[in-house]
């Protein structure tokens, strides 16, 4: 069932299905809560599952010229608070991982466990920030071209061919986004805080899922960040879209992580 809460005059869309311990799922940039459609049926057998459209994505409205990750996390919290959830298991893909860490920073007592999927806890490098600025210029000039170029990088070369229908569906949904909301998200990602030490320090179940061929998140660097920590690392064989490119391994590891908390 689709539901909305209002955060700073913006409608935030979410779904709430199943019963049991609460699992909150946050999608990535240019995605929406439908990315979890294949995972949700597994989870709702034993858990209550809340999927949220982040600000400016899916059926959620945007705010201003920038959507900082901590503001996105407050919009997420507005959903959690409205449902009177006392503890959650938090799972975020890509940008959803950045939002998850911002939520962990402020509402740590709320979060029982956290999983980052094809995401990182470190801030953008100067090089990456320059790439974001180029992306903003392209999105301003031609948002449709930007969406097609950006989403094509989410898959590795072989997967882009194999999962052409899924890529087309992703692009179809993303093309509904306004240029302002696209740019607001890029600005928010560009300026986000480094939360690596925060992520490493919290004593709760933590897992990261990495793709060896991920062109967005550097696989080797991410391995190094979590070496000799209590963070569980799962390595999958393909790119940035583990829920599509490595669906079986992705689903197994998410379920195993949650069931063993």
Protein backbone atom coordinates (compact mmCIF):
# COMPACT_ATOMS: atom_id res chain seq x y z
CA UNK A 1 0.00 0.00 0.00
CA UNK A 2 1.34 3.44 -0.97
CA UNK A 3 1.52 6.10 1.74
CA UNK A 4 2.81 9.63 2.19
CA UNK A 5 4.11 11.81 5.01
CA UNK A 6 4.93 15.50 4.69
CA UNK A 7 8.44 16.74 5.42
CA UNK A 8 9.09 20.48 5.05
CA UNK A 9 6.02 20.79 2.78
CA UNK A 10 7.24 17.98 0.52
CA UNK A 11 5.34 14.71 0.22
CA UNK A 12 7.51 11.68 0.96
CA UNK A 13 6.27 8.43 -0.54
CA UNK A 14 6.73 5.02 1.07
CA UNK A 15 5.30 1.52 1.16
CA UNK A 16 4.73 -0.52 4.32
CA UNK A 17 4.19 -4.27 3.98
CA UNK A 18 4.56 -7.38 6.10
CA UNK A 19 4.72 -7.86 9.86
CA UNK A 20 7.54 -8.28 12.35
CA UNK A 21 10.83 -6.52 12.95
CA UNK A 22 11.16 -3.42 10.75
CA UNK A 23 13.50 -3.34 7.75
CA UNK A 24 13.91 0.02 5.99
CA UNK A 25 15.15 0.00 2.39
CA UNK A 26 16.65 3.09 0.70
CA UNK A 27 17.31 3.20 -3.05
CA UNK A 28 20.09 4.97 -4.92
CA UNK A 29 20.47 7.99 -7.22
CA UNK A 30 18.03 8.04 -10.17
CA UNK A 31 16.27 5.00 -8.70
CA UNK A 32 13.05 4.64 -6.72
CA UNK A 33 11.62 2.17 -4.24
CA UNK A 34 10.65 -0.23 -7.04
CA UNK A 35 14.30 -1.39 -7.11
CA UNK A 36 13.41 -3.56 -4.10
CA UNK A 37 10.48 -5.34 -5.78
CA UNK A 38 12.26 -8.68 -6.09
CA UNK A 39 13.67 -8.61 -2.54
CA UNK A 40 10.54 -7.52 -0.67
CA UNK A 41 8.60 -10.81 -1.09
CA UNK A 42 11.44 -12.68 0.64
CA UNK A 43 11.56 -10.19 3.49
CA UNK A 44 7.83 -9.89 4.13
CA UNK A 45 7.59 -13.56 5.05
CA UNK A 46 9.04 -12.66 8.46
CA UNK A 47 9.59 -8.91 8.58
CA UNK A 48 7.83 -5.58 8.23
CA UNK A 49 9.35 -3.84 5.21
CA UNK A 50 9.31 -0.09 4.63
CA UNK A 51 10.56 1.15 1.26
CA UNK A 52 11.00 4.91 0.88
CA UNK A 53 11.32 7.16 -2.17
CA UNK A 54 14.10 9.62 -1.30
CA UNK A 55 13.50 13.33 -1.84
CA UNK A 56 12.97 14.19 -5.51
CA UNK A 57 12.89 10.53 -6.54
CA UNK A 58 9.96 8.29 -7.44
CA UNK A 59 6.73 9.73 -6.08
CA UNK A 60 8.45 11.89 -3.44
CA UNK A 61 8.64 15.62 -3.97
CA UNK A 62 11.81 17.69 -3.79
CA UNK A 63 12.73 20.68 -1.66
CA UNK A 64 15.38 23.18 -2.77
CA UNK A 65 18.39 23.46 -5.06
CA UNK A 66 20.28 20.93 -3.00
CA UNK A 67 19.30 17.81 -1.09
CA UNK A 68 22.07 17.22 1.47
CA UNK A 69 22.31 13.67 2.72
CA UNK A 70 21.38 14.72 6.27
CA UNK A 71 18.23 16.41 4.95
CA UNK A 72 17.35 13.29 2.97
CA UNK A 73 17.88 11.30 6.16
CA UNK A 74 15.52 13.62 8.07
CA UNK A 75 12.85 12.95 5.43
CA UNK A 76 13.44 9.23 6.00
CA UNK A 77 13.18 9.77 9.74
CA UNK A 78 9.85 11.54 9.27
CA UNK A 79 8.49 8.28 7.82
CA UNK A 80 10.04 6.18 10.59
CA UNK A 81 8.67 8.53 13.26
CA UNK A 82 5.18 8.56 11.73
CA UNK A 83 5.11 4.76 11.92
CA UNK A 84 6.32 4.85 15.54
CA UNK A 85 9.19 2.44 14.80
CA UNK A 86 11.50 2.00 17.77
CA UNK A 87 14.27 0.03 16.05
CA UNK A 88 15.04 -0.70 12.42
CA UNK A 89 17.38 -2.70 10.26
CA UNK A 90 18.64 -0.22 7.66
CA UNK A 91 19.71 -1.13 4.13
CA UNK A 92 20.83 1.42 1.52
CA UNK A 93 21.96 1.12 -2.08
CA UNK A 94 24.52 3.64 -3.41
CA UNK A 95 23.16 7.11 -2.49
CA UNK A 96 20.78 5.31 -0.14
CA UNK A 97 23.89 4.17 1.72
CA UNK A 98 25.03 7.78 2.12
CA UNK A 99 21.60 8.63 3.54
CA UNK A 100 21.77 5.59 5.82
CA UNK A 101 25.04 6.78 7.35
CA UNK A 102 23.63 10.28 7.90
CA UNK A 103 20.69 8.67 9.69
CA UNK A 104 23.06 6.51 11.77
CA UNK A 105 25.02 9.59 12.79
CA UNK A 106 22.00 11.33 14.33
CA UNK A 107 19.71 8.46 15.29
CA UNK A 108 22.09 5.67 16.25
CA UNK A 109 19.84 4.32 18.99
CA UNK A 110 17.15 3.72 16.37
CA UNK A 111 19.30 1.50 14.17
CA UNK A 112 19.83 -2.14 15.08
CA UNK A 113 21.95 -3.04 12.04
CA UNK A 114 23.05 -1.40 8.78
CA UNK A 115 24.00 -2.69 5.35
CA UNK A 116 25.56 -0.64 2.56
CA UNK A 117 25.15 -1.95 -0.98
CA UNK A 118 27.46 -0.64 -3.72
CA UNK A 119 28.05 2.41 -1.56
CA UNK A 120 30.84 4.03 0.44
CA UNK A 121 31.30 5.75 3.77
CA UNK A 122 33.97 8.16 2.50
CA UNK A 123 33.35 11.64 1.12
CA UNK A 124 33.95 12.59 -2.50
CA UNK A 125 37.55 13.25 -3.49
CA UNK A 126 38.35 16.53 -5.24
CA UNK A 127 38.49 14.64 -8.52
CA UNK A 128 35.07 13.15 -7.89
CA UNK A 129 33.67 16.57 -6.97
CA UNK A 130 34.85 17.92 -10.32
CA UNK A 131 33.10 15.02 -12.04
CA UNK A 132 29.93 15.90 -10.11
CA UNK A 133 30.18 19.51 -11.36
CA UNK A 134 30.40 18.24 -14.94
CA UNK A 135 27.37 16.07 -14.28
CA UNK A 136 25.46 19.09 -12.99
CA UNK A 137 26.30 21.07 -16.12
CA UNK A 138 25.15 18.22 -18.34
CA UNK A 139 21.95 17.74 -16.35
CA UNK A 140 21.20 21.47 -16.67
CA UNK A 141 21.78 21.46 -20.41
CA UNK A 142 20.16 18.12 -21.26
CA UNK A 143 18.79 16.08 -18.38
CA UNK A 144 17.57 13.28 -20.66
CA UNK A 145 21.03 12.79 -22.14
CA UNK A 146 22.55 12.89 -18.66
CA UNK A 147 20.17 10.19 -17.40
CA UNK A 148 20.95 7.89 -20.32
CA UNK A 149 24.69 8.33 -19.92
CA UNK A 150 24.66 8.03 -16.12
CA UNK A 151 22.45 4.96 -15.86
CA UNK A 152 24.49 3.16 -18.50
CA UNK A 153 27.51 3.37 -16.17
CA UNK A 154 25.60 1.58 -13.42
CA UNK A 155 26.08 -1.74 -15.24
CA UNK A 156 29.32 -3.24 -16.48
CA UNK A 157 29.57 -3.68 -20.27
CA UNK A 158 28.42 -7.30 -20.36
CA UNK A 159 25.60 -6.71 -17.88
CA UNK A 160 24.28 -3.71 -19.82
CA UNK A 161 23.57 -6.06 -22.70
CA UNK A 162 22.30 -8.92 -20.58
CA UNK A 163 19.97 -6.70 -18.55
CA UNK A 164 18.90 -4.34 -21.30
CA UNK A 165 15.23 -4.47 -20.24
CA UNK A 166 16.11 -3.58 -16.66
CA UNK A 167 18.30 -0.70 -17.86
CA UNK A 168 15.51 0.57 -20.08
CA UNK A 169 13.07 0.41 -17.16
CA UNK A 170 15.48 2.31 -14.93
CA UNK A 171 15.91 5.00 -17.56
CA UNK A 172 12.16 5.22 -18.18
CA UNK A 173 11.51 5.94 -14.50
CA UNK A 174 14.46 8.31 -14.11
CA UNK A 175 13.34 10.37 -17.11
CA UNK A 176 10.30 11.38 -15.07
CA UNK A 177 12.55 13.26 -12.63
CA UNK A 178 12.85 17.02 -12.90
CA UNK A 179 16.29 18.46 -13.71
CA UNK A 180 16.13 20.43 -10.44
CA UNK A 181 15.71 17.26 -8.37
CA UNK A 182 18.52 15.52 -10.26
CA UNK A 183 20.87 18.43 -9.65
CA UNK A 184 19.79 18.71 -5.99
CA UNK A 185 20.78 15.08 -5.40
CA UNK A 186 24.14 15.50 -7.15
CA UNK A 187 24.88 18.60 -5.05
CA UNK A 188 23.96 16.67 -1.92
CA UNK A 189 26.26 13.79 -2.79
CA UNK A 190 29.11 16.12 -3.74
CA UNK A 191 29.05 17.91 -0.41
CA UNK A 192 28.40 14.98 1.91
CA UNK A 193 30.50 14.38 5.02
CA UNK A 194 33.08 11.65 5.37
CA UNK A 195 31.51 9.10 7.70
CA UNK A 196 34.04 6.26 7.46
CA UNK A 197 35.22 6.52 11.09
CA UNK A 198 31.63 6.79 12.23
CA UNK A 199 30.69 3.64 10.33
CA UNK A 200 33.72 1.77 11.64
CA UNK A 201 33.17 2.83 15.24
CA UNK A 202 29.56 1.83 15.89
CA UNK A 203 29.19 -1.53 17.59
CA UNK A 204 26.29 -3.04 15.73
CA UNK A 205 25.97 -5.60 12.92
CA UNK A 206 27.34 -4.03 9.73
CA UNK A 207 27.75 -5.37 6.22
CA UNK A 208 28.88 -3.95 2.90
CA UNK A 209 28.11 -5.54 -0.46
CA UNK A 210 30.65 -4.71 -3.17
CA UNK A 211 30.78 -5.40 -6.90
CA UNK A 212 34.19 -6.31 -8.33
CA UNK A 213 33.33 -4.55 -11.60
CA UNK A 214 31.60 -1.56 -10.03
CA UNK A 215 32.51 1.56 -12.05
CA UNK A 216 31.03 3.92 -9.45
CA UNK A 217 32.46 2.53 -6.20
CA UNK A 218 36.14 1.53 -6.15
CA UNK A 219 36.18 -2.14 -5.16
CA UNK A 220 39.81 -2.31 -4.01
CA UNK A 221 39.68 0.87 -1.92
CA UNK A 222 36.48 -0.25 -0.23
CA UNK A 223 38.12 -3.55 0.71
CA UNK A 224 40.98 -1.64 2.29
CA UNK A 225 38.65 0.63 4.28
CA UNK A 226 37.04 -2.33 6.05
CA UNK A 227 40.08 -4.57 6.45
CA UNK A 228 40.61 -5.56 10.08
CA UNK A 229 37.28 -4.11 11.19
CA UNK A 230 34.09 -5.76 12.41
CA UNK A 231 32.34 -4.91 9.13
CA UNK A 232 31.33 -7.93 7.09
CA UNK A 233 32.37 -7.69 3.43
CA UNK A 234 30.49 -9.49 0.66
CA UNK A 235 32.10 -9.51 -2.78
CA UNK A 236 29.93 -10.07 -5.85
CA UNK A 237 31.18 -10.55 -9.38
CA UNK A 238 29.56 -7.72 -11.32
CA UNK A 239 28.93 -3.98 -11.16
CA UNK A 240 26.97 -1.29 -9.34
CA UNK A 241 23.55 -2.92 -9.61
CA UNK A 242 24.05 -5.99 -7.43
CA UNK A 243 20.30 -6.46 -6.95
CA UNK A 244 20.02 -7.03 -10.71
CA UNK A 245 23.43 -8.27 -11.87
CA UNK A 246 23.95 -10.70 -8.97
CA UNK A 247 20.37 -11.15 -7.81
CA UNK A 248 20.78 -14.60 -6.27
CA UNK A 249 23.92 -13.78 -4.29
CA UNK A 250 22.54 -10.39 -3.34
CA UNK A 251 19.28 -11.85 -2.01
CA UNK A 252 21.02 -14.69 -0.16
CA UNK A 253 23.47 -12.37 1.62
CA UNK A 254 20.82 -9.80 2.58
CA UNK A 255 18.59 -12.51 4.03
CA UNK A 256 21.49 -14.21 5.80
CA UNK A 257 22.61 -10.90 7.31
CA UNK A 258 19.16 -10.03 8.62
CA UNK A 259 18.37 -13.50 9.93
CA UNK A 260 21.60 -13.59 11.95
CA UNK A 261 21.26 -10.24 13.68
